[in-house]
Amino acid sequence: MFIEPYKSLKKMFDDEKEALLYLINNDYVNKYINCDKCDHKTKLNLNKKLYVCKYYKCRKALSPLKGTIFNNLTLPLNIQLHILYLFLGKVPSSFIASSLQISKNTVSSYNKIFRKYIKNKQLLGNKNIKIGGRNKIVEIDESKIAKRKYNKGHKVEGAWVIGGIERSILKNKIKNENKKMFLLPIEERNIDNIDLIIKRYVKKGTTIYTDLWKGYNNLKNIGYKHMTVNHSKNFKDPVTGVHTNTIEGTWNGLKQSIIPRNRNKKDIALYLKEYQWRKKNREYDIWRKFLKD
């Protein structure tokens, strides 16, 4: 993942008019539209930051941000874009608040809006696309994304997550080339829920690698090839080569991306979608990718 150099955007972050001009020059906002009331061609007035129809019988004004994530937010556009840039750069909320001289609660609210946009507007693409298939392996595992355990014997709060990562089989060799994945919070860890999730997100006929947890015991009966690794003995089965190291490595990255206080059932879905979106777009300029979407 990479992001537009800060230096090239600083002028835009310092001035609201420059921010709007940046969006126009980069084709995120149209300089002209047809008035939705009278259909006359209408130019964006940068000083008023509005499309103002000049037809004397109309004179309708329309925000260029209508229909975008920024339309109903209260801060000036340049500050909103500045928060977005720092959010995409994984800058801590406390640093953003201090740098922009706004409250940490405001920053947290904006960050949540951005995460909800990623989740609700389906920036991940078609949510019904399944992974796996012929000549594909999907590693599946579950993990608890929890707060730190400070006191021995103290109950650890958090959320259970199930995930799957696709691997390709090519000439008897396994490649992790695309790493298509799904990550979902799971309320009840039982066979029925596991079966339902896997049928929804993994194509029939896929070879599935898991550990020996009993929740996966029904996979062969619902149309999958199922192979296991005994983690009490090996990380990788010495005979079959089966392992779930790829998905287990994902848990480490995911946990590092979520600060402890946000590792809860209420917020976990937003962070899972954000993590997947960042992974999917790691080869793009994530700043431009977000604005384009």
Protein backbone atom coordinates (compact mmCIF):
# COMPACT_ATOMS: atom_id res chain seq x y z
CA MET A 1 0.00 0.00 0.00
CA PHE A 2 1.19 3.52 -0.78
CA ILE A 3 -0.32 6.98 -0.65
CA GLU A 4 0.03 10.32 -2.46
CA PRO A 5 2.98 12.35 -1.09
CA TYR A 6 1.83 14.82 1.54
CA LYS A 7 3.87 17.66 0.01
CA SER A 8 1.82 17.58 -3.21
CA LEU A 9 -1.44 18.00 -1.25
CA LYS A 10 -0.43 20.52 1.41
CA LYS A 11 -1.75 23.55 -0.50
CA MET A 12 -5.13 21.88 -0.82
CA PHE A 13 -5.24 20.97 2.88
CA ASP A 14 -4.66 24.62 3.85
CA ASP A 15 -7.53 26.21 1.92
CA GLU A 16 -11.14 25.16 1.27
CA LYS A 17 -11.30 26.72 -2.19
CA GLU A 18 -8.08 24.94 -3.16
CA ALA A 19 -9.58 21.69 -1.87
CA LEU A 20 -12.59 22.03 -4.14
CA LEU A 21 -10.34 23.01 -7.05
CA TYR A 22 -8.25 19.89 -6.41
CA LEU A 23 -11.34 17.70 -6.65
CA ILE A 24 -12.32 19.38 -9.93
CA ASN A 25 -8.86 19.13 -11.49
CA ASN A 26 -8.66 15.45 -10.62
CA ASP A 27 -12.15 14.67 -11.98
CA TYR A 28 -13.69 13.82 -8.61
CA VAL A 29 -16.11 16.74 -8.98
CA ASN A 30 -17.56 18.05 -12.26
CA LYS A 31 -16.90 21.65 -13.25
CA TYR A 32 -20.23 21.73 -15.12
CA ILE A 33 -23.51 19.93 -14.57
CA ASN A 34 -26.99 20.17 -16.03
CA CYS A 35 -29.35 21.79 -13.57
CA ASP A 36 -31.65 19.10 -12.21
CA LYS A 37 -34.53 21.58 -12.17
CA CYS A 38 -34.39 23.24 -15.60
CA ASP A 39 -31.65 21.20 -17.34
CA HIS A 40 -29.55 24.28 -18.22
CA LYS A 41 -25.77 23.85 -18.21
CA THR A 42 -24.49 25.18 -14.89
CA LYS A 43 -20.92 26.03 -13.89
CA LEU A 44 -19.46 25.54 -10.44
CA ASN A 45 -18.89 28.86 -8.64
CA LEU A 46 -15.68 28.35 -6.65
CA ASN A 47 -16.23 31.41 -4.46
CA LYS A 48 -19.70 30.31 -3.41
CA LYS A 49 -18.70 26.62 -3.56
CA LEU A 50 -22.00 25.93 -5.31
CA TYR A 51 -23.45 25.22 -8.72
CA VAL A 52 -25.72 28.22 -9.31
CA CYS A 53 -28.05 28.05 -12.29
CA LYS A 54 -27.99 31.37 -14.19
CA TYR A 55 -31.26 30.82 -15.99
CA TYR A 56 -33.38 33.71 -14.72
CA LYS A 57 -36.46 31.58 -14.15
CA CYS A 58 -34.53 29.03 -12.10
CA ARG A 59 -31.49 30.25 -10.09
CA LYS A 60 -31.26 26.93 -8.29
CA ALA A 61 -28.14 26.35 -6.17
CA LEU A 62 -26.69 22.91 -5.60
CA SER A 63 -23.72 21.70 -3.57
CA PRO A 64 -20.97 19.97 -5.62
CA LEU A 65 -20.62 17.55 -2.70
CA LYS A 66 -24.19 16.29 -2.91
CA GLY A 67 -24.21 12.52 -3.07
CA THR A 68 -20.71 12.25 -1.61
CA ILE A 69 -19.48 11.29 1.82
CA PHE A 70 -18.59 14.94 2.56
CA ASN A 71 -21.96 16.54 1.85
CA ASN A 72 -23.55 16.68 5.31
CA LEU A 73 -20.40 16.92 7.41
CA THR A 74 -19.72 20.11 9.36
CA LEU A 75 -16.01 20.81 9.02
CA PRO A 76 -14.61 22.71 6.02
CA LEU A 77 -13.88 20.49 3.03
CA ASN A 78 -10.10 20.93 3.26
CA ILE A 79 -10.10 19.78 6.90
CA GLN A 80 -12.29 16.80 6.05
CA LEU A 81 -9.91 15.78 3.28
CA HIS A 82 -6.95 16.28 5.62
CA ILE A 83 -8.50 13.94 8.20
CA LEU A 84 -9.23 11.40 5.45
CA TYR A 85 -5.63 11.51 4.22
CA LEU A 86 -4.23 10.94 7.69
CA PHE A 87 -6.77 8.20 8.37
CA LEU A 88 -5.72 6.40 5.18
CA GLY A 89 -2.11 6.81 6.30
CA LYS A 90 -2.96 5.07 9.60
CA VAL A 91 -2.04 8.13 11.67
CA PRO A 92 -3.28 7.84 15.30
CA SER A 93 -6.38 9.90 16.17
CA SER A 94 -4.58 11.74 18.96
CA PHE A 95 -1.91 12.96 16.54
CA ILE A 96 -4.52 14.03 13.95
CA ALA A 97 -6.42 15.97 16.62
CA SER A 98 -3.28 17.70 17.85
CA SER A 99 -2.04 18.52 14.34
CA LEU A 100 -5.35 19.94 13.10
CA GLN A 101 -6.35 21.49 16.44
CA ILE A 102 -9.67 19.70 16.64
CA SER A 103 -11.00 17.36 19.31
CA LYS A 104 -10.07 13.70 19.37
CA ASN A 105 -13.78 12.83 19.52
CA THR A 106 -14.32 14.69 16.25
CA VAL A 107 -11.46 12.80 14.61
CA SER A 108 -12.83 9.50 15.90
CA SER A 109 -16.27 10.37 14.52
CA TYR A 110 -14.84 11.10 11.06
CA ASN A 111 -12.74 7.94 11.08
CA LYS A 112 -15.86 5.95 11.88
CA ILE A 113 -17.69 7.61 9.00
CA PHE A 114 -14.89 6.60 6.64
CA ARG A 115 -14.97 3.01 7.92
CA LYS A 116 -18.76 2.86 7.56
CA TYR A 117 -18.43 4.16 3.99
CA ILE A 118 -15.98 1.37 3.17
CA LYS A 119 -18.41 -1.17 4.65
CA ASN A 120 -21.80 0.18 3.53
CA LYS A 121 -20.92 1.44 0.06
CA GLN A 122 -19.29 -1.89 -0.76
CA LEU A 123 -15.87 -0.54 -1.76
CA LEU A 124 -14.83 -4.19 -1.48
CA GLY A 125 -16.80 -4.97 -4.63
CA ASN A 126 -19.54 -7.56 -4.96
CA LYS A 127 -20.03 -8.94 -1.45
CA ASN A 128 -21.53 -12.14 -2.87
CA ILE A 129 -18.43 -13.22 -4.80
CA LYS A 130 -17.21 -16.54 -3.45
CA ILE A 131 -13.58 -17.58 -3.12
CA GLY A 132 -11.99 -20.93 -3.92
CA GLY A 133 -13.05 -23.40 -6.60
CA ARG A 134 -11.34 -26.03 -8.70
CA ASN A 135 -7.58 -26.24 -8.10
CA LYS A 136 -7.95 -23.83 -5.19
CA ILE A 137 -7.21 -24.21 -1.51
CA VAL A 138 -8.91 -22.08 1.12
CA GLU A 139 -7.37 -21.95 4.57
CA ILE A 140 -10.02 -21.35 7.23
CA ASP A 141 -9.52 -20.51 10.87
CA GLU A 142 -11.14 -18.54 13.69
CA SER A 143 -9.59 -16.24 16.25
CA LYS A 144 -10.64 -14.03 19.13
CA ILE A 145 -9.80 -10.36 18.58
CA ALA A 146 -9.59 -9.36 22.24
CA LYS A 147 -8.42 -6.66 24.59
CA ARG A 148 -5.23 -7.27 26.51
CA LYS A 149 -5.47 -9.51 29.54
CA TYR A 150 -3.94 -7.53 32.40
CA ASN A 151 -4.96 -9.69 35.37
CA LYS A 152 -4.66 -13.44 35.53
CA GLY A 153 -8.09 -15.04 35.75
CA HIS A 154 -9.82 -11.90 34.43
CA LYS A 155 -12.31 -12.52 31.63
CA VAL A 156 -11.00 -11.20 28.30
CA GLU A 157 -13.55 -9.20 26.30
CA GLY A 158 -13.49 -9.20 22.53
CA ALA A 159 -15.06 -10.63 19.38
CA TRP A 160 -14.67 -13.97 17.62
CA VAL A 161 -13.80 -13.76 13.92
CA ILE A 162 -13.76 -16.43 11.23
CA GLY A 163 -11.71 -15.99 8.10
CA GLY A 164 -10.68 -17.73 4.91
CA ILE A 165 -7.82 -17.08 2.46
CA GLU A 166 -7.58 -18.50 -1.05
CA ARG A 167 -4.46 -20.21 -2.39
CA SER A 168 -3.88 -21.57 -5.90
CA ILE A 169 -2.55 -25.01 -6.85
CA LEU A 170 -0.34 -24.80 -9.93
CA LYS A 171 1.62 -27.83 -11.20
CA ASN A 172 1.56 -29.44 -7.78
CA LYS A 173 2.87 -26.23 -6.22
CA ILE A 174 0.85 -23.93 -4.04
CA LYS A 175 0.82 -20.17 -4.65
CA ASN A 176 -0.62 -17.43 -2.45
CA GLU A 177 -0.80 -15.08 -5.42
CA ASN A 178 -4.17 -13.34 -5.07
CA LYS A 179 -4.99 -13.89 -1.43
CA LYS A 180 -8.72 -13.38 -1.89
CA MET A 181 -10.30 -13.53 1.53
CA PHE A 182 -13.31 -13.17 3.74
CA LEU A 183 -13.36 -12.04 7.37
CA LEU A 184 -16.53 -12.09 9.46
CA PRO A 185 -17.52 -11.70 13.10
CA ILE A 186 -19.20 -14.83 14.40
CA GLU A 187 -21.55 -14.91 17.37
CA GLU A 188 -21.93 -18.65 17.94
CA ARG A 189 -19.04 -20.98 17.11
CA ASN A 190 -20.87 -24.16 16.15
CA ILE A 191 -21.16 -26.51 13.18
CA ASP A 192 -24.40 -24.97 11.85
CA ASN A 193 -22.99 -21.42 11.74
CA ILE A 194 -19.67 -22.58 10.29
CA ASP A 195 -21.44 -24.53 7.55
CA LEU A 196 -23.68 -21.55 6.72
CA ILE A 197 -20.75 -19.14 6.45
CA ILE A 198 -18.59 -21.46 4.36
CA LYS A 199 -21.43 -22.27 1.94
CA ARG A 200 -22.01 -18.53 1.49
CA TYR A 201 -18.38 -17.53 0.92
CA VAL A 202 -16.58 -20.61 -0.48
CA LYS A 203 -17.34 -22.38 -3.77
CA LYS A 204 -18.35 -26.03 -3.66
CA GLY A 205 -15.54 -28.44 -4.55
CA THR A 206 -12.87 -26.28 -2.92
CA THR A 207 -10.15 -27.98 -0.89
CA ILE A 208 -10.37 -26.53 2.61
CA TYR A 209 -7.52 -26.63 5.12
CA THR A 210 -8.36 -26.28 8.82
CA ASP A 211 -7.16 -27.38 12.22
CA LEU A 212 -8.91 -30.20 14.10
CA TRP A 213 -11.60 -28.08 15.76
CA LYS A 214 -14.90 -29.99 15.71
CA GLY A 215 -16.77 -27.05 14.13
CA TYR A 216 -15.32 -28.09 10.75
CA ASN A 217 -16.32 -31.76 10.98
CA ASN A 218 -19.22 -31.48 8.52
CA LEU A 219 -17.38 -29.92 5.56
CA LYS A 220 -17.08 -33.13 3.54
CA ASN A 221 -20.84 -33.66 3.86
CA ILE A 222 -21.69 -30.26 2.35
CA GLY A 223 -19.54 -30.48 -0.78
CA TYR A 224 -15.94 -29.68 0.13
CA LYS A 225 -12.66 -31.55 0.20
CA HIS A 226 -11.44 -31.22 3.77
CA MET A 227 -7.88 -31.69 5.02
CA THR A 228 -6.57 -30.94 8.49
CA VAL A 229 -3.42 -30.22 10.45
CA ASN A 230 -2.98 -31.22 14.10
CA HIS A 231 -1.60 -28.08 15.75
CA SER A 232 -0.84 -29.92 18.97
CA LYS A 233 1.87 -31.76 17.03
CA ASN A 234 2.86 -29.64 14.01
CA PHE A 235 2.33 -26.24 12.39
CA LYS A 236 2.54 -28.06 9.05
CA ASP A 237 1.59 -31.69 8.53
CA PRO A 238 4.85 -33.49 7.64
CA VAL A 239 3.07 -35.99 5.37
CA THR A 240 0.35 -34.00 3.57
CA GLY A 241 1.89 -30.52 3.79
CA VAL A 242 -1.39 -29.11 5.10
CA HIS A 243 -1.06 -25.89 7.13
CA THR A 244 -3.08 -22.78 8.00
CA ASN A 245 -0.10 -20.44 8.41
CA THR A 246 -1.44 -17.91 5.87
CA ILE A 247 -4.72 -17.20 7.66
CA GLU A 248 -3.01 -17.33 11.05
CA GLY A 249 -0.56 -14.68 9.85
CA THR A 250 -3.58 -12.57 8.91
CA TRP A 251 -4.74 -12.60 12.54
CA ASN A 252 -1.44 -11.04 13.60
CA GLY A 253 -1.76 -8.24 11.05
CA LEU A 254 -5.42 -7.66 11.88
CA LYS A 255 -4.83 -7.43 15.62
CA GLN A 256 -1.99 -4.97 15.11
CA SER A 257 -4.32 -2.74 13.05
CA ILE A 258 -6.98 -2.45 15.80
CA ILE A 259 -6.17 -0.66 19.03
CA PRO A 260 -7.28 -2.65 22.12
CA ARG A 261 -10.26 -0.49 23.10
CA ASN A 262 -11.87 -1.08 19.68
CA ARG A 263 -11.60 -4.87 19.86
CA ASN A 264 -15.26 -5.42 20.67
CA LYS A 265 -18.38 -6.91 19.11
CA LYS A 266 -19.86 -3.49 18.37
CA ASP A 267 -17.05 -2.17 16.17
CA ILE A 268 -15.26 -5.25 14.85
CA ALA A 269 -17.20 -5.50 11.55
CA LEU A 270 -16.01 -2.03 10.48
CA TYR A 271 -12.38 -2.91 11.13
CA LEU A 272 -12.67 -6.22 9.29
CA LYS A 273 -14.01 -4.48 6.16
CA GLU A 274 -11.33 -1.79 6.38
CA TYR A 275 -8.59 -4.41 6.71
CA GLN A 276 -9.87 -6.32 3.67
CA TRP A 277 -10.18 -3.13 1.62
CA ARG A 278 -6.63 -2.08 2.41
CA LYS A 279 -5.34 -5.55 1.53
CA LYS A 280 -7.27 -5.63 -1.73
CA ASN A 281 -5.95 -2.23 -2.78
CA ARG A 282 -2.39 -2.55 -1.53
CA GLU A 283 -1.01 -2.04 -5.07
CA TYR A 284 -2.89 1.25 -5.59
CA ASP A 285 -2.48 4.80 -4.32
CA ILE A 286 -5.01 4.37 -1.53
CA TRP A 287 -5.78 8.12 -1.39
CA ARG A 288 -6.82 8.30 -5.04
CA LYS A 289 -8.55 4.93 -4.85
CA PHE A 290 -10.79 6.07 -1.98
CA LEU A 291 -11.70 9.37 -3.68
CA LYS A 292 -12.42 7.64 -6.99
CA ASP A 293 -14.68 5.06 -5.32
